């Protein structure tokens, strides 16, 4: 026979695990230094600039 499972305990454990996963994601997203954020912003700006240079505009058709 299977083991007896306390559903309340199981739900609480599942909620705790999900909260831990969400906390890890938030730490990765928001737990960065100012220098890291600025570096990422500069990198995104450069990537967008490169994409804009390769874009075919309405005046070039």
PDB file of N, CA and C in Angstrom:
ATOM      1  N   UNK A   1       0.837  -1.176   0.000  1.00  0.00           N
ATOM      2  CA  UNK A   1       0.000   0.000   0.000  1.00  0.00           C
ATOM      3  C   UNK A   1       0.881   1.238   0.000  1.00  0.00           C
ATOM      4  N   UNK A   2       0.282   2.316  -0.401  1.00  0.00           N
ATOM      5  CA  UNK A   2       1.012   3.574  -0.459  1.00  0.00           C
ATOM      6  C   UNK A   2       1.141   4.215   0.908  1.00  0.00           C
ATOM      7  N   UNK A   3       2.017   5.164   0.977  1.00  0.00           N
ATOM      8  CA  UNK A   3       2.201   5.890   2.225  1.00  0.00           C
ATOM      9  C   UNK A   3       1.053   6.865   2.437  1.00  0.00           C
ATOM     10  N   UNK A   4       0.740   7.105   3.674  1.00  0.00           N
ATOM     11  CA  UNK A   4      -0.289   8.069   4.019  1.00  0.00           C
ATOM     12  C   UNK A   4       0.343   9.461   3.952  1.00  0.00           C
ATOM     13  N   UNK A   5      -0.336  10.365   3.252  1.00  0.00           N
ATOM     14  CA  UNK A   5       0.203  11.704   3.053  1.00  0.00           C
ATOM     15  C   UNK A   5      -0.749  12.720   3.667  1.00  0.00           C
ATOM     16  N   UNK A   6      -0.201  13.618   4.445  1.00  0.00           N
ATOM     17  CA  UNK A   6      -0.982  14.704   5.003  1.00  0.00           C
ATOM     18  C   UNK A   6      -1.057  15.797   3.933  1.00  0.00           C
ATOM     19  N   UNK A   7      -2.249  16.014   3.375  1.00  0.00           N
ATOM     20  CA  UNK A   7      -2.394  16.950   2.266  1.00  0.00           C
ATOM     21  C   UNK A   7      -2.083  18.384   2.674  1.00  0.00           C
ATOM     22  N   UNK A   8      -2.434  18.756   3.891  1.00  0.00           N
ATOM     23  CA  UNK A   8      -2.147  20.114   4.350  1.00  0.00           C
ATOM     24  C   UNK A   8      -0.634  20.354   4.362  1.00  0.00           C
ATOM     25  N   UNK A   9       0.106  19.379   4.882  1.00  0.00           N
ATOM     26  CA  UNK A   9       1.562  19.493   4.935  1.00  0.00           C
ATOM     27  C   UNK A   9       2.146  19.511   3.523  1.00  0.00           C
ATOM     28  N   UNK A  10       1.600  18.688   2.643  1.00  0.00           N
ATOM     29  CA  UNK A  10       2.069  18.641   1.269  1.00  0.00           C
ATOM     30  C   UNK A  10       1.855  19.981   0.567  1.00  0.00           C
ATOM     31  N   UNK A  11       0.684  20.582   0.734  1.00  0.00           N
ATOM     32  CA  UNK A  11       0.392  21.877   0.112  1.00  0.00           C
ATOM     33  C   UNK A  11       1.314  22.973   0.644  1.00  0.00           C
ATOM     34  N   UNK A  12       1.542  22.958   1.954  1.00  0.00           N
ATOM     35  CA  UNK A  12       2.429  23.960   2.547  1.00  0.00           C
ATOM     36  C   UNK A  12       3.850  23.805   2.019  1.00  0.00           C
ATOM     37  N   UNK A  13       4.303  22.564   1.892  1.00  0.00           N
ATOM     38  CA  UNK A  13       5.652  22.324   1.371  1.00  0.00           C
ATOM     39  C   UNK A  13       5.752  22.793  -0.068  1.00  0.00           C
ATOM     40  N   UNK A  14       4.737  22.502  -0.865  1.00  0.00           N
ATOM     41  CA  UNK A  14       4.733  22.933  -2.262  1.00  0.00           C
ATOM     42  C   UNK A  14       4.735  24.459  -2.349  1.00  0.00           C
ATOM     43  N   UNK A  15       3.976  25.124  -1.498  1.00  0.00           N
ATOM     44  CA  UNK A  15       3.943  26.592  -1.487  1.00  0.00           C
ATOM     45  C   UNK A  15       5.305  27.160  -1.078  1.00  0.00           C
ATOM     46  N   UNK A  16       5.946  26.537  -0.086  1.00  0.00           N
ATOM     47  CA  UNK A  16       7.276  26.990   0.338  1.00  0.00           C
ATOM     48  C   UNK A  16       8.292  26.828  -0.784  1.00  0.00           C
ATOM     49  N   UNK A  17       8.241  25.700  -1.468  1.00  0.00           N
ATOM     50  CA  UNK A  17       9.167  25.460  -2.574  1.00  0.00           C
ATOM     51  C   UNK A  17       8.965  26.479  -3.688  1.00  0.00           C
ATOM     52  N   UNK A  18       7.709  26.781  -4.000  1.00  0.00           N
ATOM     53  CA  UNK A  18       7.420  27.768  -5.043  1.00  0.00           C
ATOM     54  C   UNK A  18       7.889  29.160  -4.612  1.00  0.00           C
ATOM     55  N   UNK A  19       7.688  29.497  -3.352  1.00  0.00           N
ATOM     56  CA  UNK A  19       8.133  30.805  -2.848  1.00  0.00           C
ATOM     57  C   UNK A  19       9.654  30.903  -2.899  1.00  0.00           C
ATOM     58  N   UNK A  20      10.341  29.821  -2.602  1.00  0.00           N
ATOM     59  CA  UNK A  20      11.807  29.823  -2.671  1.00  0.00           C
ATOM     60  C   UNK A  20      12.280  30.013  -4.109  1.00  0.00           C
ATOM     61  N   UNK A  21      11.602  29.356  -5.036  1.00  0.00           N
ATOM     62  CA  UNK A  21      11.968  29.495  -6.446  1.00  0.00           C
ATOM     63  C   UNK A  21      11.743  30.941  -6.916  1.00  0.00           C
ATOM     64  N   UNK A  22      10.607  31.526  -6.519  1.00  0.00           N
ATOM     65  CA  UNK A  22      10.316  32.911  -6.872  1.00  0.00           C
ATOM     66  C   UNK A  22      11.345  33.863  -6.257  1.00  0.00           C
ATOM     67  N   UNK A  23      11.747  33.597  -5.021  1.00  0.00           N
ATOM     68  CA  UNK A  23      12.735  34.437  -4.353  1.00  0.00           C
ATOM     69  C   UNK A  23      14.070  34.364  -5.080  1.00  0.00           C
ATOM     70  N   UNK A  24      14.459  33.183  -5.531  1.00  0.00           N
ATOM     71  CA  UNK A  24      15.704  33.051  -6.281  1.00  0.00           C
ATOM     72  C   UNK A  24      15.661  33.858  -7.571  1.00  0.00           C
ATOM     73  N   UNK A  25      14.534  33.803  -8.253  1.00  0.00           N
ATOM     74  CA  UNK A  25      14.397  34.557  -9.499  1.00  0.00           C
ATOM     75  C   UNK A  25      14.465  36.062  -9.232  1.00  0.00           C
ATOM     76  N   UNK A  26      13.815  36.505  -8.156  1.00  0.00           N
ATOM     77  CA  UNK A  26      13.857  37.932  -7.814  1.00  0.00           C
ATOM     78  C   UNK A  26      15.255  38.370  -7.402  1.00  0.00           C
ATOM     79  N   UNK A  27      15.966  37.521  -6.673  1.00  0.00           N
ATOM     80  CA  UNK A  27      17.339  37.858  -6.287  1.00  0.00           C
ATOM     81  C   UNK A  27      18.216  38.020  -7.516  1.00  0.00           C
ATOM     82  N   UNK A  28      18.023  37.150  -8.490  1.00  0.00           N
ATOM     83  CA  UNK A  28      18.817  37.231  -9.715  1.00  0.00           C
ATOM     84  C   UNK A  28      18.469  38.480 -10.502  1.00  0.00           C
ATOM     85  N   UNK A  29      17.207  38.873 -10.453  1.00  0.00           N
ATOM     86  CA  UNK A  29      16.778  40.028 -11.248  1.00  0.00           C
ATOM     87  C   UNK A  29      17.075  41.355 -10.566  1.00  0.00           C
ATOM     88  N   UNK A  30      16.811  41.453  -9.280  1.00  0.00           N
ATOM     89  CA  UNK A  30      16.921  42.725  -8.591  1.00  0.00           C
ATOM     90  C   UNK A  30      18.142  42.830  -7.680  1.00  0.00           C
ATOM     91  N   UNK A  31      18.764  41.734  -7.356  1.00  0.00           N
ATOM     92  CA  UNK A  31      19.870  41.751  -6.408  1.00  0.00           C
ATOM     93  C   UNK A  31      21.207  41.995  -7.073  1.00  0.00           C
ATOM     94  N   UNK A  32      21.287  43.023  -7.912  1.00  0.00           N
ATOM     95  CA  UNK A  32      22.525  43.321  -8.615  1.00  0.00           C
ATOM     96  C   UNK A  32      23.050  44.676  -8.176  1.00  0.00           C
ATOM     97  N   UNK A  33      24.337  44.867  -8.334  1.00  0.00           N
ATOM     98  CA  UNK A  33      24.942  46.140  -7.962  1.00  0.00           C
ATOM     99  C   UNK A  33      24.618  47.181  -9.031  1.00  0.00           C
ATOM    100  N   UNK A  34      24.866  48.423  -8.699  1.00  0.00           N
ATOM    101  CA  UNK A  34      24.602  49.514  -9.633  1.00  0.00           C
ATOM    102  C   UNK A  34      25.465  49.367 -10.887  1.00  0.00           C
ATOM    103  N   UNK A  35      26.707  48.965 -10.711  1.00  0.00           N
ATOM    104  CA  UNK A  35      27.607  48.780 -11.848  1.00  0.00           C
ATOM    105  C   UNK A  35      27.099  47.687 -12.787  1.00  0.00           C
ATOM    106  N   UNK A  36      26.574  46.606 -12.231  1.00  0.00           N
ATOM    107  CA  UNK A  36      26.037  45.525 -13.058  1.00  0.00           C
ATOM    108  C   UNK A  36      24.812  45.996 -13.836  1.00  0.00           C
ATOM    109  N   UNK A  37      23.943  46.762 -13.178  1.00  0.00           N
ATOM    110  CA  UNK A  37      22.763  47.285 -13.879  1.00  0.00           C
ATOM    111  C   UNK A  37      23.174  48.222 -15.001  1.00  0.00           C
ATOM    112  N   UNK A  38      24.139  49.101 -14.738  1.00  0.00           N
ATOM    113  CA  UNK A  38      24.589  50.043 -15.766  1.00  0.00           C
ATOM    114  C   UNK A  38      25.239  49.306 -16.931  1.00  0.00           C
ATOM    115  N   UNK A  39      26.011  48.260 -16.629  1.00  0.00           N
ATOM    116  CA  UNK A  39      26.653  47.471 -17.678  1.00  0.00           C
ATOM    117  C   UNK A  39      25.598  46.825 -18.563  1.00  0.00           C
ATOM    118  N   UNK A  40      24.563  46.276 -17.953  1.00  0.00           N
ATOM    119  CA  UNK A  40      23.495  45.639 -18.721  1.00  0.00           C
ATOM    120  C   UNK A  40      22.730  46.658 -19.554  1.00  0.00           C
ATOM    121  N   UNK A  41      22.484  47.837 -19.003  1.00  0.00           N
ATOM    122  CA  UNK A  41      21.791  48.885 -19.754  1.00  0.00           C
ATOM    123  C   UNK A  41      22.619  49.321 -20.958  1.00  0.00           C
ATOM    124  N   UNK A  42      23.919  49.472 -20.764  1.00  0.00           N
ATOM    125  CA  UNK A  42      24.802  49.867 -21.862  1.00  0.00           C
ATOM    126  C   UNK A  42      24.847  48.781 -22.935  1.00  0.00           C
ATOM    127  N   UNK A  43      24.899  47.535 -22.517  1.00  0.00           N
ATOM    128  CA  UNK A  43      24.900  46.425 -23.470  1.00  0.00           C
ATOM    129  C   UNK A  43      23.600  46.394 -24.270  1.00  0.00           C
ATOM    130  N   UNK A  44      22.466  46.584 -23.594  1.00  0.00           N
ATOM    131  CA  UNK A  44      21.176  46.620 -24.297  1.00  0.00           C
ATOM    132  C   UNK A  44      21.102  47.796 -25.252  1.00  0.00           C
ATOM    133  N   UNK A  45      21.645  48.943 -24.848  1.00  0.00           N
ATOM    134  CA  UNK A  45      21.638  50.122 -25.716  1.00  0.00           C
ATOM    135  C   UNK A  45      22.453  49.857 -26.981  1.00  0.00           C
ATOM    136  N   UNK A  46      23.616  49.223 -26.835  1.00  0.00           N
ATOM    137  CA  UNK A  46      24.459  48.906 -27.989  1.00  0.00           C
ATOM    138  C   UNK A  46      23.768  47.913 -28.913  1.00  0.00           C
ATOM    139  N   UNK A  47      23.152  46.879 -28.326  1.00  0.00           N
ATOM    140  CA  UNK A  47      22.452  45.896 -29.153  1.00  0.00           C
ATOM    141  C   UNK A  47      21.302  46.536 -29.924  1.00  0.00           C
ATOM    142  N   UNK A  48      20.546  47.404 -29.271  1.00  0.00           N
ATOM    143  CA  UNK A  48      19.444  48.085 -29.946  1.00  0.00           C
ATOM    144  C   UNK A  48      19.964  49.015 -31.032  1.00  0.00           C
ATOM    145  N   UNK A  49      21.094  49.635 -30.797  1.00  0.00           N
ATOM    146  CA  UNK A  49      21.690  50.514 -31.794  1.00  0.00           C
ATOM    147  C   UNK A  49      22.080  49.719 -33.037  1.00  0.00           C
ATOM    148  N   UNK A  50      22.693  48.567 -32.833  1.00  0.00           N
ATOM    149  CA  UNK A  50      23.088  47.719 -33.965  1.00  0.00           C
ATOM    150  C   UNK A  50      21.847  47.288 -34.742  1.00  0.00           C
ATOM    151  N   UNK A  51      20.790  46.913 -34.034  1.00  0.00           N
ATOM    152  CA  UNK A  51      19.563  46.515 -34.716  1.00  0.00           C
ATOM    153  C   UNK A  51      18.959  47.679 -35.498  1.00  0.00           C
ATOM    154  N   UNK A  52      19.000  48.867 -34.918  1.00  0.00           N
ATOM    155  CA  UNK A  52      18.441  50.036 -35.597  1.00  0.00           C
ATOM    156  C   UNK A  52      19.219  50.366 -36.866  1.00  0.00           C
ATOM    157  N   UNK A  53      20.518  50.138 -36.865  1.00  0.00           N
ATOM    158  CA  UNK A  53      21.326  50.425 -38.053  1.00  0.00           C
ATOM    159  C   UNK A  53      21.015  49.453 -39.184  1.00  0.00           C
ATOM    160  N   UNK A  54      20.559  48.265 -38.857  1.00  0.00           N
ATOM    161  CA  UNK A  54      20.254  47.269 -39.872  1.00  0.00           C
ATOM    162  C   UNK A  54      18.782  47.253 -40.269  1.00  0.00           C
ATOM    163  N   UNK A  55      18.010  48.124 -39.685  1.00  0.00           N
ATOM    164  CA  UNK A  55      16.586  48.172 -39.954  1.00  0.00           C
ATOM    165  C   UNK A  55      16.340  48.889 -41.296  1.00  0.00           C
ATOM    166  N   UNK A  56      15.419  48.368 -42.058  1.00  0.00           N
ATOM    167  CA  UNK A  56      15.054  49.016 -43.308  1.00  0.00           C
ATOM    168  C   UNK A  56      13.916  49.971 -42.998  1.00  0.00           C
ATOM    169  N   UNK A  57      14.152  51.248 -43.209  1.00  0.00           N
ATOM    170  CA  UNK A  57      13.161  52.256 -42.888  1.00  0.00           C
ATOM    171  C   UNK A  57      12.215  52.505 -44.040  1.00  0.00           C
ATOM    172  N   UNK A  58      11.225  53.323 -43.797  1.00  0.00           N
ATOM    173  CA  UNK A  58      10.239  53.646 -44.821  1.00  0.00           C
ATOM    174  C   UNK A  58      10.866  54.461 -45.939  1.00  0.00           C
ATOM    175  N   UNK A  59      11.838  55.304 -45.615  1.00  0.00           N
ATOM    176  CA  UNK A  59      12.466  56.150 -46.639  1.00  0.00           C
ATOM    177  C   UNK A  59      13.431  55.381 -47.534  1.00  0.00           C
ATOM    178  N   UNK A  60      13.827  54.160 -47.152  1.00  0.00           N
ATOM    179  CA  UNK A  60      14.783  53.381 -47.931  1.00  0.00           C
ATOM    180  C   UNK A  60      14.104  52.350 -48.810  1.00  0.00           C
ATOM    181  N   UNK A  61      12.792  52.321 -48.900  1.00  0.00           N
ATOM    182  CA  UNK A  61      12.117  51.299 -49.706  1.00  0.00           C
ATOM    183  C   UNK A  61      12.042  51.666 -51.136  1.00  0.00           C
TER     184      UNK A  61
END
